[in-house]
Protein backbone atom coordinates (compact mmCIF):
# COMPACT_ATOMS: atom_id res chain seq x y z
CA MET A 1 122.26 85.09 118.78
CA SER A 2 125.70 84.37 121.02
CA THR A 3 126.03 82.25 124.55
CA SER A 4 126.73 85.72 126.31
CA LEU A 5 124.08 87.62 124.39
CA LEU A 6 121.62 84.68 125.19
CA TRP A 7 122.18 84.92 128.97
CA GLU A 8 122.32 88.44 129.27
CA SER A 9 119.12 88.47 127.45
CA LYS A 10 117.90 86.29 130.27
CA LYS A 11 118.97 88.23 132.85
CA LEU A 12 117.30 91.24 131.19
CA GLY A 13 113.96 89.64 131.90
CA PHE A 14 113.22 88.59 128.46
CA SER A 15 110.95 85.69 128.03
CA ASP A 16 111.80 82.41 126.22
CA ARG A 17 109.24 83.43 123.56
CA GLN A 18 110.77 86.59 123.16
CA ILE A 19 114.24 84.98 122.76
CA ALA A 20 112.96 82.11 120.59
CA ARG A 21 111.39 84.99 117.79
CA ALA A 22 114.83 87.11 118.09
CA LYS A 23 116.69 84.22 116.75
CA ASP A 24 114.60 84.30 113.70
CA LYS A 25 115.85 87.81 112.87
CA SER A 26 118.55 88.84 111.15
CA PRO A 27 121.93 90.10 112.71
CA GLU A 28 121.45 93.82 112.21
CA GLU A 29 118.11 93.48 113.85
CA ILE A 30 118.92 91.59 116.82
CA ARG A 31 121.67 94.14 117.23
CA GLU A 32 119.11 97.18 117.36
CA ILE A 33 117.06 95.02 119.88
CA ARG A 34 119.53 94.47 122.22
CA LYS A 35 121.31 97.79 121.80
CA LYS A 36 117.38 99.17 122.19
CA ALA A 37 117.49 97.33 125.76
CA GLY A 38 120.88 98.28 126.60
CA VAL A 39 122.54 95.26 126.07
CA LEU A 40 126.36 96.84 125.09
CA PRO A 41 129.18 95.40 124.52
CA SER A 42 132.33 96.73 126.20
CA VAL A 43 135.81 96.76 125.09
CA LYS A 44 138.61 94.93 127.40
CA GLN A 45 142.24 94.51 127.32
CA ILE A 46 143.95 91.27 127.81
CA ASP A 47 145.97 91.61 131.16
CA THR A 48 148.80 89.96 129.77
CA LEU A 49 150.95 90.32 132.44
CA ALA A 50 148.68 88.61 134.81
CA ALA A 51 147.71 91.07 137.22
CA GLU A 52 151.87 91.62 138.42
CA TRP A 53 151.93 95.20 136.11
CA PRO A 54 149.51 97.08 134.39
CA ALA A 55 149.30 95.61 130.85
CA VAL A 56 150.19 97.99 128.18
CA THR A 57 149.33 95.29 125.03
CA ASN A 58 146.55 96.37 123.00
CA TYR A 59 145.22 92.76 122.97
CA LEU A 60 141.45 93.30 123.14
CA TYR A 61 137.88 91.56 123.50
CA LEU A 62 134.50 92.39 123.11
CA THR A 63 132.11 91.45 126.56
CA TYR A 64 128.82 92.28 127.58
CA GLY A 65 130.05 91.86 131.10
CA GLY A 66 131.49 95.18 131.65
CA HIS A 67 130.32 98.64 131.91
CA HIS A 68 133.19 100.86 130.75
CA HIS A 69 135.88 100.47 127.83
CA ASP A 70 139.28 100.06 128.69
CA ILE A 71 140.72 102.08 126.32
CA LYS A 72 140.06 104.81 124.14
CA ILE A 73 140.65 106.13 120.63
CA ASN A 74 140.58 109.29 119.29
CA PRO A 75 138.26 110.49 117.32
CA GLU A 76 140.44 112.31 114.80
CA ASP A 77 142.67 109.06 114.42
CA LYS A 78 140.89 106.83 111.79
CA GLY A 79 142.64 103.58 111.00
CA VAL A 80 141.99 100.48 108.72
CA ILE A 81 140.73 97.09 110.50
CA VAL A 82 141.69 94.11 108.44
CA LEU A 83 139.36 90.76 108.90
CA GLY A 84 141.61 87.62 109.41
CA ALA A 85 140.00 84.19 108.47
CA GLY A 86 139.16 82.90 112.10
CA PRO A 87 139.94 79.36 113.35
CA TYR A 88 142.38 77.06 111.20
CA ARG A 89 139.99 74.60 109.73
CA ILE A 90 139.57 72.14 106.07
CA GLY A 91 139.18 75.26 103.80
CA SER A 92 141.36 77.87 105.64
CA SER A 93 144.62 77.72 106.76
CA VAL A 94 148.05 79.44 107.56
CA GLU A 95 147.66 80.87 104.11
CA PHE A 96 144.87 83.37 104.66
CA ASP A 97 147.37 84.43 107.82
CA TRP A 98 149.76 84.99 105.95
CA GLY A 99 147.59 87.22 103.68
CA THR A 100 146.45 88.99 106.69
CA VAL A 101 149.88 89.56 108.38
CA ASN A 102 151.45 90.99 104.77
CA MET A 103 148.32 93.00 103.83
CA VAL A 104 149.06 95.09 107.34
CA TRP A 105 152.59 95.30 106.80
CA GLY A 106 151.86 96.65 103.40
CA LEU A 107 149.13 98.97 104.55
CA GLN A 108 151.38 100.63 107.29
CA GLU A 109 154.66 100.55 104.45
CA ASN A 110 151.79 102.73 102.58
CA GLY A 111 151.21 105.36 105.19
CA GLU A 112 147.86 103.64 107.18
CA LYS A 113 149.85 103.48 111.05
CA ASN A 114 146.58 102.88 112.44
CA VAL A 115 145.18 99.57 111.50
CA SER A 116 143.67 97.01 113.71
CA VAL A 117 142.87 93.01 113.15
CA VAL A 118 139.95 91.06 114.10
CA ASN A 119 140.88 87.68 114.59
CA CYS A 120 139.87 84.39 116.34
CA ASN A 121 143.02 81.87 116.78
CA PRO A 122 145.54 81.43 119.24
CA GLU A 123 147.93 79.96 116.61
CA THR A 124 148.25 82.64 114.31
CA VAL A 125 150.93 85.12 113.60
CA SER A 126 148.12 87.77 112.83
CA THR A 127 146.84 87.51 116.68
CA ASP A 128 150.36 88.51 117.98
CA TYR A 129 149.66 92.07 119.72
CA ASP A 130 152.59 93.66 118.47
CA ILE A 131 151.61 93.23 114.54
CA CYS A 132 149.42 95.87 114.52
CA SER A 133 147.88 99.08 116.60
CA ARG A 134 144.88 96.87 117.92
CA LEU A 135 144.07 93.29 118.00
CA TYR A 136 140.40 92.19 118.82
CA PHE A 137 140.57 88.80 119.50
CA GLU A 138 136.89 88.26 118.20
CA GLU A 139 133.84 86.32 116.44
CA LEU A 140 134.26 87.13 112.71
CA THR A 141 130.31 88.06 112.56
CA LEU A 142 128.29 90.60 110.88
CA GLU A 143 127.36 91.45 114.36
CA ARG A 144 130.50 91.99 116.48
CA ILE A 145 131.99 93.37 113.55
CA LEU A 146 130.15 96.07 113.24
CA ASP A 147 130.57 96.43 117.07
CA ILE A 148 133.98 96.79 116.52
CA ALA A 149 133.68 99.28 113.27
CA GLU A 150 131.28 101.37 115.75
CA PHE A 151 134.04 101.56 118.98
CA GLU A 152 137.23 102.38 116.22
CA ASN A 153 135.19 104.75 113.92
CA PRO A 154 137.37 103.54 111.16
CA LYS A 155 138.34 104.68 107.29
CA GLY A 156 137.28 101.32 106.47
CA ILE A 157 137.23 97.35 106.32
CA VAL A 158 139.44 95.41 104.40
CA THR A 159 137.84 92.12 103.54
CA CYS A 160 139.70 90.79 101.06
CA VAL A 161 142.70 88.64 102.90
CA GLY A 162 140.34 86.22 105.34
CA GLY A 163 139.47 83.61 103.11
CA GLN A 164 135.85 83.21 102.11
CA THR A 165 134.65 83.65 105.87
CA ALA A 166 135.50 87.69 106.10
CA ASN A 167 134.72 87.72 102.09
CA ASN A 168 130.93 86.51 103.07
CA LEU A 169 131.08 89.90 105.49
CA THR A 170 131.40 92.41 102.69
CA LEU A 171 127.83 92.54 101.65
CA GLY A 172 126.75 93.41 105.43
CA LEU A 173 128.84 95.59 106.10
CA ALA A 174 128.46 97.53 103.22
CA LYS A 175 124.72 97.55 103.49
CA ASN A 176 125.46 99.11 107.29
CA GLY A 177 126.91 101.85 106.17
CA VAL A 178 130.48 100.90 106.40
CA ASN A 179 133.03 101.13 103.96
CA ILE A 180 134.92 98.46 102.29
CA ILE A 181 138.73 99.20 101.46
CA GLY A 182 139.36 97.23 97.96
CA THR A 183 136.76 96.44 95.46
CA SER A 184 133.37 97.41 96.39
CA ALA A 185 130.88 95.30 97.74
CA ASN A 186 129.00 95.30 94.77
CA ASP A 187 131.43 94.19 92.36
CA VAL A 188 132.34 91.09 95.36
CA ASP A 189 128.36 90.14 94.66
CA ARG A 190 128.87 90.23 91.11
CA ALA A 191 131.35 87.76 91.16
CA GLU A 192 129.94 85.67 94.08
CA ASN A 193 126.44 85.79 92.83
CA ARG A 194 126.36 82.92 89.35
CA SER A 195 123.43 84.91 87.56
CA LYS A 196 125.30 88.09 87.91
CA PHE A 197 128.94 86.40 87.37
CA SER A 198 127.72 84.69 84.12
CA ALA A 199 126.00 87.49 82.58
CA GLU A 200 129.09 89.39 82.87
CA LEU A 201 130.81 86.70 81.08
CA ASP A 202 128.60 86.51 78.37
CA LYS A 203 129.28 90.14 77.83
CA LEU A 204 132.74 89.32 77.70
CA HIS A 205 132.32 86.15 74.91
CA ILE A 206 134.07 83.89 77.86
CA GLN A 207 132.67 80.27 77.92
CA GLN A 208 131.71 78.59 81.05
CA PRO A 209 130.56 74.85 81.70
CA ARG A 210 126.63 74.65 81.17
CA TRP A 211 124.86 75.41 84.39
CA GLN A 212 122.05 76.69 86.07
CA ALA A 213 120.74 77.89 89.16
CA PHE A 214 117.76 76.09 91.01
CA ALA A 215 114.86 76.17 93.75
CA ASN A 216 112.96 72.88 93.50
CA ILE A 217 114.64 69.47 92.65
CA VAL A 218 111.74 68.98 89.29
CA GLU A 219 113.76 71.75 87.58
CA ALA A 220 117.13 70.49 88.81
CA LYS A 221 116.40 66.63 87.49
CA SER A 222 115.54 68.04 84.19
CA PHE A 223 118.30 70.04 83.32
CA ALA A 224 120.98 67.08 84.93
CA GLN A 225 119.17 64.80 82.11
CA ASP A 226 119.52 67.40 79.42
CA VAL A 227 123.14 68.17 79.24
CA GLY A 228 123.76 64.77 80.96
CA PHE A 229 125.95 63.21 84.21
CA PRO A 230 128.01 63.72 85.60
CA VAL A 231 126.99 67.18 87.13
CA ILE A 232 128.64 68.89 90.09
CA VAL A 233 126.07 70.49 92.35
CA ARG A 234 127.45 73.11 94.61
CA PRO A 235 125.91 75.58 96.67
CA SER A 236 126.47 79.10 96.54
CA TYR A 237 128.86 81.31 99.44
CA VAL A 238 130.75 78.58 100.73
CA LEU A 239 134.60 77.89 101.05
CA SER A 240 136.73 74.54 100.70
CA GLY A 241 133.74 73.36 98.29
CA ALA A 242 131.13 72.62 101.34
CA ALA A 243 128.35 69.96 100.25
CA MET A 244 129.77 70.14 97.06
CA LYS A 245 129.50 66.57 95.10
CA VAL A 246 129.61 65.30 91.35
CA VAL A 247 126.65 63.20 90.87
CA TRP A 248 125.73 60.20 88.47
CA SER A 249 122.56 60.10 88.66
CA GLN A 250 118.87 61.14 89.09
CA ASP A 251 118.62 59.58 93.00
CA GLU A 252 121.84 60.96 94.07
CA LEU A 253 120.89 64.42 92.35
CA LYS A 254 117.74 64.50 94.86
CA LYS A 255 120.45 63.94 97.96
CA TYR A 256 122.83 66.07 96.98
CA VAL A 257 120.46 69.08 96.37
CA LYS A 258 119.00 68.82 99.71
CA GLU A 259 122.25 68.86 100.91
CA ALA A 260 123.74 71.93 99.41
CA THR A 261 119.97 73.68 100.10
CA ASP A 262 120.85 72.52 103.85
CA VAL A 263 124.62 74.28 103.39
CA SER A 264 123.75 77.55 101.67
CA PRO A 265 119.81 77.95 102.26
CA ASP A 266 119.35 81.73 101.15
CA HIS A 267 121.28 81.00 97.90
CA PRO A 268 119.77 78.66 95.04
CA VAL A 269 121.71 75.54 94.33
CA VAL A 270 123.88 76.09 91.44
CA ILE A 271 124.61 72.40 89.00
CA SER A 272 127.25 73.00 86.26
CA LYS A 273 128.29 70.27 83.73
CA PHE A 274 131.07 68.09 84.79
CA MET A 275 133.64 68.16 82.14
CA LEU A 276 135.53 64.93 82.45
CA ASN A 277 139.15 64.69 81.34
CA SER A 278 139.72 68.29 81.56
CA LEU A 279 142.69 70.20 83.45
CA GLU A 280 142.14 72.71 85.79
CA VAL A 281 144.45 75.85 86.20
CA ASP A 282 144.65 78.94 88.82
CA VAL A 283 145.43 82.37 88.21
CA ASP A 284 146.55 84.56 91.24
CA GLY A 285 146.48 88.37 90.64
CA VAL A 286 146.35 91.52 91.82
CA CYS A 287 144.24 94.58 89.94
CA ASN A 288 143.78 98.48 91.22
CA GLY A 289 140.60 98.69 89.15
CA THR A 290 142.74 99.52 85.63
CA ASP A 291 146.02 97.73 85.94
CA VAL A 292 146.38 93.94 86.21
CA ILE A 293 148.96 91.94 87.26
CA ILE A 294 149.35 88.05 87.02
CA GLY A 295 151.26 86.36 89.59
CA ALA A 296 151.30 83.14 87.68
CA ILE A 297 149.32 80.67 85.82
CA VAL A 298 149.01 77.47 88.36
CA GLU A 299 148.22 74.32 86.91
CA HIS A 300 146.60 71.43 88.69
CA ILE A 301 148.87 68.19 88.39
CA GLU A 302 145.29 66.06 88.88
CA SER A 303 142.38 66.29 86.18
CA ALA A 304 139.28 68.45 86.80
CA GLY A 305 137.22 66.71 89.73
CA VAL A 306 140.03 67.22 92.55
CA HIS A 307 139.34 70.32 94.50
CA SER A 308 142.26 72.66 94.19
CA GLY A 309 142.95 72.92 98.02
CA ASP A 310 143.53 69.30 97.58
CA ALA A 311 145.18 69.01 94.35
CA MET A 312 148.67 69.07 93.64
CA MET A 313 149.99 72.21 91.96
CA CYS A 314 152.79 72.84 89.56
CA ILE A 315 154.98 75.89 88.66
CA PRO A 316 155.24 77.04 85.85
CA PRO A 317 152.27 74.98 83.93
CA TRP A 318 153.65 71.56 82.41
CA ARG A 319 150.71 70.69 79.96
CA LEU A 320 149.36 73.90 78.29
CA ASN A 321 150.48 75.29 75.38
CA ASN A 322 151.20 79.19 74.34
CA LYS A 323 147.94 79.69 72.75
CA THR A 324 146.25 78.27 75.87
CA ILE A 325 148.50 80.44 78.38
CA GLU A 326 147.98 83.80 75.87
CA THR A 327 143.81 82.78 76.82
CA ILE A 328 143.93 82.74 80.05
CA THR A 329 146.08 85.94 79.98
CA GLU A 330 143.72 87.93 78.30
CA TYR A 331 140.58 86.56 80.37
CA SER A 332 142.09 87.32 83.36
CA THR A 333 142.86 90.52 82.51
CA LYS A 334 139.30 91.46 80.92
CA ILE A 335 137.56 89.66 84.00
CA ALA A 336 139.66 91.54 86.48
CA LYS A 337 138.89 95.27 84.92
CA THR A 338 135.02 94.24 84.18
CA PHE A 339 134.63 93.73 87.75
CA ASN A 340 136.44 96.54 89.06
CA VAL A 341 138.94 94.69 91.13
CA LYS A 342 140.77 96.73 93.83
CA GLY A 343 142.92 93.91 95.20
CA PRO A 344 144.02 90.32 95.21
CA PHE A 345 141.75 88.25 92.94
CA ASN A 346 142.23 84.58 92.12
CA LEU A 347 140.24 82.94 88.81
CA GLN A 348 139.85 79.39 88.26
CA PHE A 349 139.44 77.87 84.70
CA LEU A 350 138.97 74.57 82.92
CA ILE A 351 140.69 73.22 79.66
CA HIS A 352 138.53 70.65 78.02
CA ASP A 353 139.66 70.05 74.28
CA ASP A 354 141.89 73.31 73.73
CA HIS A 355 139.06 75.62 74.93
CA VAL A 356 139.17 77.32 77.43
CA TYR A 357 136.07 77.39 80.68
CA VAL A 358 136.11 80.02 83.47
CA ILE A 359 134.72 77.95 86.70
CA GLU A 360 134.65 80.72 89.31
CA LEU A 361 135.88 84.14 90.56
CA ASN A 362 137.68 84.85 93.78
CA ILE A 363 137.84 88.54 94.35
CA ARG A 364 139.97 87.97 97.56
CA ALA A 365 143.08 86.29 98.61
CA SER A 366 143.56 82.88 98.03
CA ARG A 367 145.67 80.04 99.77
CA SER A 368 147.91 79.17 96.58
CA MET A 369 149.00 83.64 96.88
CA PRO A 370 151.50 82.77 99.32
CA PHE A 371 153.23 79.65 97.35
CA VAL A 372 152.88 82.03 94.10
CA SER A 373 155.05 84.99 95.83
CA LYS A 374 157.39 82.86 96.83
CA LEU A 375 158.25 81.11 93.79
CA VAL A 376 158.00 84.47 91.26
CA LYS A 377 159.73 87.00 94.26
CA THR A 378 157.17 89.13 94.36
CA ASN A 379 154.78 89.78 97.08
CA LEU A 380 151.33 89.79 95.87
CA ILE A 381 149.56 91.12 99.25
CA ALA A 382 152.65 93.89 99.26
CA LEU A 383 151.06 94.91 95.81
CA ALA A 384 147.69 94.26 96.62
CA ALA A 385 147.66 96.89 100.02
CA LYS A 386 148.54 99.60 97.10
CA ALA A 387 145.45 98.55 95.05
CA VAL A 388 143.36 99.02 97.76
CA LEU A 389 144.42 102.36 98.60
CA GLY A 390 143.96 103.19 94.99
CA LYS A 391 147.78 104.02 94.80
CA PRO A 392 149.67 103.32 91.31
CA LEU A 393 150.89 99.43 90.86
CA PRO A 394 154.80 99.37 90.31
CA LYS A 395 155.39 98.36 86.76
CA LEU A 396 157.24 94.60 86.48
CA PRO A 397 158.77 92.77 84.02
CA GLU A 398 156.24 91.40 81.07
CA ASN A 399 154.94 87.97 82.22
CA LYS A 400 157.74 87.74 84.74
CA TRP A 401 156.35 84.46 86.16
CA GLN A 402 156.97 82.83 82.66
CA LYS A 403 160.62 83.99 83.52
CA ILE A 404 161.26 82.50 86.46
CA SER A 405 164.22 79.54 86.28
CA ASN A 406 162.75 77.16 88.99
CA PHE A 407 160.04 74.65 89.56
CA GLY A 408 157.52 75.21 92.15
CA ILE A 409 155.50 71.94 93.56
CA LYS A 410 152.56 72.30 96.21
CA VAL A 411 151.88 69.05 97.82
CA PRO A 412 148.07 68.98 100.16
CA GLN A 413 148.40 67.31 103.24
CA PHE A 414 145.53 65.52 105.12
CA SER A 415 145.15 64.18 108.59
CA PHE A 416 142.77 61.31 107.95
CA MET A 417 144.46 59.41 110.63
CA ALA A 418 143.52 61.74 113.13
CA LEU A 419 139.63 60.97 111.75
CA GLU A 420 138.22 57.28 112.39
CA GLY A 421 136.83 55.75 109.22
CA ALA A 422 138.16 58.83 107.20
CA ASP A 423 138.30 57.80 103.13
CA ILE A 424 141.68 59.13 101.54
CA ARG A 425 139.62 59.18 98.23
CA LEU A 426 139.58 62.88 96.71
CA GLY A 427 137.07 65.06 95.13
CA VAL A 428 135.31 68.19 94.87
CA GLU A 429 134.92 68.98 98.55
CA MET A 430 137.90 69.95 100.05
CA GLN A 431 139.27 67.86 103.01
CA SER A 432 143.48 68.98 103.16
CA THR A 433 144.63 69.94 106.17
CA GLY A 434 147.93 71.81 105.12
CA GLU A 435 150.26 71.99 102.47
CA VAL A 436 153.96 71.84 101.66
CA ALA A 437 155.65 73.92 98.95
CA CYS A 438 158.83 72.96 97.22
CA PHE A 439 161.33 74.86 95.08
CA GLY A 440 163.62 73.01 92.49
CA THR A 441 165.71 72.97 89.15
CA SER A 442 163.15 70.61 87.52
CA PHE A 443 159.59 68.93 87.93
CA TYR A 444 160.57 66.56 89.52
CA ASP A 445 163.43 67.98 91.69
CA ALA A 446 160.61 70.06 93.27
CA LEU A 447 157.95 67.16 93.19
CA ALA A 448 160.71 64.72 94.90
CA LYS A 449 161.24 67.49 97.75
CA GLY A 450 156.87 67.87 97.48
CA LEU A 451 156.38 64.48 98.27
CA THR A 452 159.09 63.61 100.51
CA SER A 453 158.06 66.83 102.61
CA ALA A 454 154.20 65.61 103.02
CA GLY A 455 155.00 62.18 103.83
CA TYR A 456 155.49 60.22 101.39
CA THR A 457 157.91 57.26 101.09
CA LEU A 458 160.06 57.20 97.56
CA PRO A 459 161.06 53.68 97.97
CA SER A 460 164.15 52.48 95.20
CA THR A 461 162.90 49.31 95.61
CA GLY A 462 160.16 47.52 96.58
CA THR A 463 156.48 45.96 96.23
CA ALA A 464 153.85 48.17 94.64
CA LEU A 465 149.78 46.92 94.99
CA VAL A 466 147.81 48.06 92.02
CA THR A 467 144.20 48.20 91.38
CA VAL A 468 142.57 49.90 89.44
CA GLY A 469 139.00 50.47 87.53
CA GLY A 470 137.43 50.50 84.12
CA SER A 471 139.35 49.91 80.86
CA VAL A 472 140.08 53.70 80.15
CA ASN A 473 142.05 53.92 83.52
CA LYS A 474 143.55 50.99 83.29
CA GLU A 475 144.57 51.82 79.21
CA LYS A 476 146.19 55.24 80.95
CA LEU A 477 148.34 53.38 83.40
CA LEU A 478 150.16 50.85 81.01
CA GLN A 479 153.06 52.92 80.68
CA PRO A 480 153.39 54.16 84.40
CA ILE A 481 153.49 50.52 85.39
CA ALA A 482 155.65 49.11 82.72
CA ARG A 483 158.12 52.01 83.74
CA LEU A 484 157.87 50.79 87.38
CA LYS A 485 158.67 46.79 86.05
CA SER A 486 161.77 48.16 84.06
CA LEU A 487 162.75 50.08 87.44
CA GLY A 488 162.76 46.61 89.47
CA PHE A 489 159.38 46.78 91.14
CA LYS A 490 157.70 43.75 91.55
CA ILE A 491 154.10 44.31 90.56
CA VAL A 492 151.09 42.29 92.66
CA ALA A 493 147.49 43.69 91.43
CA THR A 494 144.22 42.35 92.09
CA GLU A 495 142.24 39.54 89.47
CA HIS A 496 141.03 41.90 86.99
CA THR A 497 143.66 44.57 86.66
CA ALA A 498 146.03 41.45 87.10
CA GLU A 499 144.92 39.96 83.69
CA PHE A 500 144.97 43.35 81.97
CA PHE A 501 148.70 44.04 82.67
CA GLU A 502 149.46 39.93 82.65
CA GLU A 503 148.78 40.34 79.22
CA LYS A 504 150.14 43.84 78.03
CA ILE A 505 153.24 43.91 79.75
CA GLY A 506 153.76 39.99 81.88
CA GLY A 507 155.26 39.58 85.05
CA ILE A 508 152.19 40.65 87.12
CA GLU A 509 151.11 38.28 90.53
CA VAL A 510 147.77 38.10 91.36
CA VAL A 511 146.32 38.84 94.84
CA HIS A 512 142.93 38.80 96.81
CA LYS A 513 140.77 41.47 98.34
CA ILE A 514 140.35 41.96 101.34
CA SER A 515 136.97 40.88 101.51
CA GLU A 516 138.10 37.38 100.54
CA PRO A 517 140.50 36.75 103.37
CA GLN A 518 140.28 32.76 102.61
CA ARG A 519 141.78 33.54 99.53
CA LYS A 520 145.63 33.36 99.65
CA PRO A 521 147.76 35.52 98.88
CA ASN A 522 145.52 38.00 100.44
CA ILE A 523 145.60 42.11 100.39
CA ALA A 524 145.24 42.38 104.02
CA ASP A 525 148.14 40.10 104.59
CA LEU A 526 150.48 41.27 102.60
CA LEU A 527 149.65 45.19 104.10
CA TYR A 528 150.19 43.60 107.79
CA GLU A 529 153.41 41.79 106.97
CA ARG A 530 154.74 45.02 105.34
CA LYS A 531 155.43 43.49 102.13
CA ILE A 532 153.86 46.64 100.00
CA ASP A 533 155.54 49.47 99.73
CA PHE A 534 152.89 51.31 97.94
CA ILE A 535 149.65 51.19 96.08
CA ILE A 536 148.01 52.48 92.96
CA ASN A 537 144.38 52.31 93.54
CA ILE A 538 142.28 54.19 90.97
CA PRO A 539 138.64 53.81 91.39
CA SER A 540 136.57 53.58 88.41
CA THR A 541 134.09 56.87 88.11
CA SER A 542 132.52 55.60 84.16
CA THR A 543 128.86 54.72 86.34
CA LEU A 544 128.19 55.02 89.68
CA GLU A 545 126.65 51.97 89.42
CA LYS A 546 130.13 50.14 88.94
CA TYR A 547 131.70 52.79 91.67
CA VAL A 548 129.20 51.69 94.20
CA GLY A 549 129.81 47.94 93.55
CA MET A 550 133.59 48.00 94.40
CA LEU A 551 133.70 50.94 97.10
CA GLU A 552 133.69 49.11 100.06
CA ASP A 553 136.55 46.43 99.45
CA GLU A 554 138.44 49.65 98.03
CA TYR A 555 138.00 51.85 100.84
CA GLN A 556 139.61 48.86 103.25
CA ILE A 557 142.44 49.15 101.36
CA ARG A 558 142.73 53.08 101.67
CA ARG A 559 141.74 52.86 105.12
CA LYS A 560 144.26 49.45 106.17
CA SER A 561 147.35 51.52 104.17
CA LEU A 562 146.49 54.83 105.76
CA GLU A 563 146.45 53.47 109.52
CA LEU A 564 149.72 51.37 108.43
CA GLY A 565 151.24 54.71 107.04
CA ILE A 566 151.42 53.25 103.27
CA PRO A 567 151.78 56.04 100.31
CA VAL A 568 148.29 55.81 98.13
CA LEU A 569 147.97 57.02 94.63
CA THR A 570 144.40 57.72 93.84
CA THR A 571 144.31 59.68 90.88
CA ILE A 572 146.19 58.93 88.03
CA GLU A 573 148.00 61.69 87.62
CA LEU A 574 149.79 61.03 91.35
CA ALA A 575 150.63 57.71 90.21
CA ASP A 576 152.53 58.47 86.83
CA SER A 577 154.27 61.55 88.44
CA PHE A 578 155.00 59.64 91.40
CA VAL A 579 156.40 56.47 89.07
CA LYS A 580 158.43 59.38 87.13
CA THR A 581 159.92 60.96 90.16
CA LEU A 582 161.43 57.49 91.61
CA GLU A 583 162.76 57.13 87.63
CA TRP A 584 164.28 60.30 88.02
CA LEU A 585 165.71 59.53 91.69
CA LYS A 586 167.92 56.90 90.40
CA ASP A 587 170.11 59.13 88.81
CA ASN A 588 170.10 62.47 90.03
CA LYS A 589 169.93 64.15 93.60
CA THR A 590 167.60 66.67 95.35
CA THR A 591 168.28 70.05 95.21
CA ARG A 592 169.10 72.18 98.51
CA ASP A 593 169.04 75.53 97.69
CA PRO A 594 168.10 78.18 99.83
CA ILE A 595 164.39 80.45 99.05
CA GLU A 596 165.60 83.82 97.57
CA PRO A 597 164.08 87.29 99.11
CA TYR A 598 161.40 89.15 97.09
CA ASP A 599 162.44 91.64 94.39
CA LYS A 600 162.34 94.75 95.68
CA LEU A 601 159.46 96.80 94.08
CA GLU A 602 159.64 100.32 93.00
């Protein structure tokens, strides 16, 4: 129950007991109660001219403090409402604002002149009043959207460009008689509901990592024991991997199942087998129910286990073979048609031992769609506007994304410095607060620009601190460290890491842990004296016990480096790519070409 509604209820004489009982009711039930009690919101116009002249801007809000509407809508002039993504936060940022605005423009270009937007973020273009016919600066809750729909009486509502916030309202709006423009609520639910989604994939003979939904911890423990640790625990219907964790033991499983239940109490907890040493791939596309356009296949540079919002991403894929690309394309087409997608969609795949597994389908615009659209010069949301209206899609060159001459790299940005005590180590729960996308004539041209734009320093000489957990990780980093030495960098490492690389390539200097300040040379001293240019810190995850044993000391390294502005590379793939980028920069300069405009569509 909103604060304004709570206050209005008290003024009308409802008892605290009645209000407490109302808090346990659904948004629809609360709405009916207040409507019967005469608690009705009014649509008011924000005075953008401070009463100096009559305001004419359609910048609107709802209030229980009014007795009449400031504007009138012609009942014959039915339009379309587009839902935005709400405030910027982890999991929802400017990419969804791009989707919202481009959907408004796309609908207008396809004959819908009366398009309204609901959003509540003053930092967005979608909350510029001149973008749409009417702008409601309001919360994205089922109760409030139903109020606006009752006032507007629209043709329907678009929920597929406002991220998971808008997407989650689809089913509730449909149940209350609101027409969903685009993919039907039933098909959205089939994709979001893990059991229904899995059943459809089984019919298509498409593999998924082993998974099961649970209502109690006893069954969850039994499943985890059967498939073997690690497993990944996730709640349903959430964005940014909230409460999603990779779990390595029964004790951790119990803790995280409870956390996932708290985050999404109305849905069962899903536990999946976590496949180590796998590649992760995203596909962004558009479908109108019959025709499917694949915007691009986007490969994550890090191995699976880093949330897609935190992973560096590359177009075109740099490690996938042609057979895998063909399989991903085939699966994407089949899945989009099976779920009757009418609008944008995003599919996530796992590649393990050359087998393609499907992770999930999001029947909505993704954070990577503007990145894909600008690189392949095809505005996917402009196409999605046609699709949601049931119009034919233009004929594009087959596999257009594979024929582009440029490379695109997306690099995440974080706000760890603003969060006291935050750890920069990445995982399956999203932490990034932004991203940059850079294009180049080669992989390393684009990556060099992306890393620099995201705040990484790319030194030509200096000292690298290396601390690596686990023998497997050390073996994987052997070539990157050898390459660093050949580039003239001094390598310092903690004791066990130094022993390994000294034996293999030599010339490694031992430094001691922050937790051992009496032993010199010490990492803390080197950091404060600015004698380290960047750090490769790869924690071991072979067992939970090993990881916990070195957690505190490695955390101290990462945190102090963050505070001092020293780059820290926490994945093997990032470390390897970073070193190769330094090598590329020895003999090359980054390009400075303008971004090309979108291709004109027929």
